[in-house]
Amino acid sequence: MAEKKLGSDKPKSYLPLGHIDSIENKEPKEGEPPRWARVRLQQEDGSEATFLLTFEELKNGLVRAETNKEDLPPEGWLQKLQDLFD
């Protein structure tokens, strides 16, 4: 499988829900990466939050989703329709 590019090197001041961009770790502590994947998501309770993850964590999650499809709920017709517009 070809490696998918995650994030962007042009961070936005406003990150839309469900989007990922790459931001500089301005004060990295020992063991931290030079860049973070910034992800803005809506949580189960409806609140929105911004997450800083390593790109390795995102890649591991991508691999898990691809190799453990049985753990994911089936996509309904509404999700498939929304995917056409995204």
Protein backbone atom coordinates (compact mmCIF):
# COMPACT_ATOMS: atom_id res chain seq x y z
CA MET A 1 0.00 0.00 0.00
CA ALA A 2 1.36 3.39 -0.91
CA GLU A 3 1.94 5.61 2.10
CA LYS A 4 -0.73 8.26 2.45
CA LYS A 5 0.38 11.79 3.24
CA LEU A 6 -1.06 13.03 6.50
CA GLY A 7 -1.44 16.67 7.36
CA SER A 8 -0.31 19.84 5.69
CA ASP A 9 2.70 22.12 6.11
CA LYS A 10 0.47 25.19 5.90
CA PRO A 11 -1.43 25.35 9.21
CA LYS A 12 -4.67 27.27 9.18
CA SER A 13 -5.78 29.65 11.91
CA TYR A 14 -9.16 27.86 11.79
CA LEU A 15 -9.20 24.10 11.38
CA PRO A 16 -12.57 22.66 10.25
CA LEU A 17 -14.00 19.64 12.07
CA GLY A 18 -12.48 16.37 10.92
CA HIS A 19 -9.45 17.97 9.29
CA ILE A 20 -5.75 17.43 10.01
CA ASP A 21 -2.88 19.81 9.59
CA SER A 22 0.72 19.88 10.69
CA ILE A 23 1.98 22.44 13.17
CA GLU A 24 5.42 23.18 14.54
CA ASN A 25 6.21 22.04 18.09
CA LYS A 26 7.56 25.40 19.21
CA GLU A 27 8.93 24.22 22.57
CA PRO A 28 9.64 20.50 22.14
CA LYS A 29 10.36 18.54 25.27
CA GLU A 30 12.67 15.55 25.23
CA GLY A 31 11.25 12.77 23.10
CA GLU A 32 8.61 14.93 21.41
CA PRO A 33 8.44 15.33 17.63
CA PRO A 34 9.35 18.56 15.84
CA ARG A 35 5.82 18.71 14.37
CA TRP A 36 2.37 17.74 15.67
CA ALA A 37 -0.66 16.54 13.78
CA ARG A 38 -3.44 18.89 14.85
CA VAL A 39 -6.87 17.28 14.58
CA ARG A 40 -10.20 18.93 15.37
CA LEU A 41 -12.99 16.50 16.23
CA GLN A 42 -16.47 16.45 17.64
CA GLN A 43 -16.70 14.24 20.71
CA GLU A 44 -19.62 11.95 21.59
CA ASP A 45 -21.18 14.58 23.85
CA GLY A 46 -21.24 17.07 20.96
CA SER A 47 -18.39 19.24 22.22
CA GLU A 48 -15.51 20.05 19.91
CA ALA A 49 -11.87 19.60 20.81
CA THR A 50 -8.45 19.97 19.24
CA PHE A 51 -6.01 17.08 19.62
CA LEU A 52 -2.24 17.07 19.13
CA LEU A 53 -1.00 13.66 18.03
CA THR A 54 2.20 12.35 16.53
CA PHE A 55 2.00 11.36 12.90
CA GLU A 56 3.08 7.89 14.01
CA GLU A 57 -0.05 7.65 16.20
CA LEU A 58 -2.21 8.66 13.24
CA LYS A 59 -0.52 6.15 10.95
CA ASN A 60 -0.99 3.38 13.54
CA GLY A 61 -4.69 4.27 13.78
CA LEU A 62 -5.00 4.21 10.00
CA VAL A 63 -3.43 0.73 9.87
CA ARG A 64 -5.72 -0.49 12.69
CA ALA A 65 -8.80 0.77 10.85
CA GLU A 66 -7.67 -0.99 7.66
CA THR A 67 -6.76 -4.31 9.33
CA ASN A 68 -9.58 -4.49 11.91
CA LYS A 69 -12.58 -3.57 9.78
CA GLU A 70 -14.72 -6.00 11.79
CA ASP A 71 -14.49 -3.59 14.75
CA LEU A 72 -15.93 -0.66 12.80
CA PRO A 73 -19.69 -0.18 12.50
CA PRO A 74 -21.03 -0.59 8.97
CA GLU A 75 -21.41 2.62 6.99
CA GLY A 76 -25.03 3.52 6.44
CA TRP A 77 -26.44 5.06 3.26
CA LEU A 78 -26.44 8.52 4.86
CA GLN A 79 -22.67 8.32 5.50
CA LYS A 80 -22.04 7.17 1.94
CA LEU A 81 -24.12 10.09 0.64
CA GLN A 82 -22.20 12.55 2.86
CA ASP A 83 -18.89 11.13 1.56
CA LEU A 84 -19.95 12.12 -1.97
CA PHE A 85 -20.14 15.77 -0.87
CA ASP A 86 -16.90 15.84 1.19
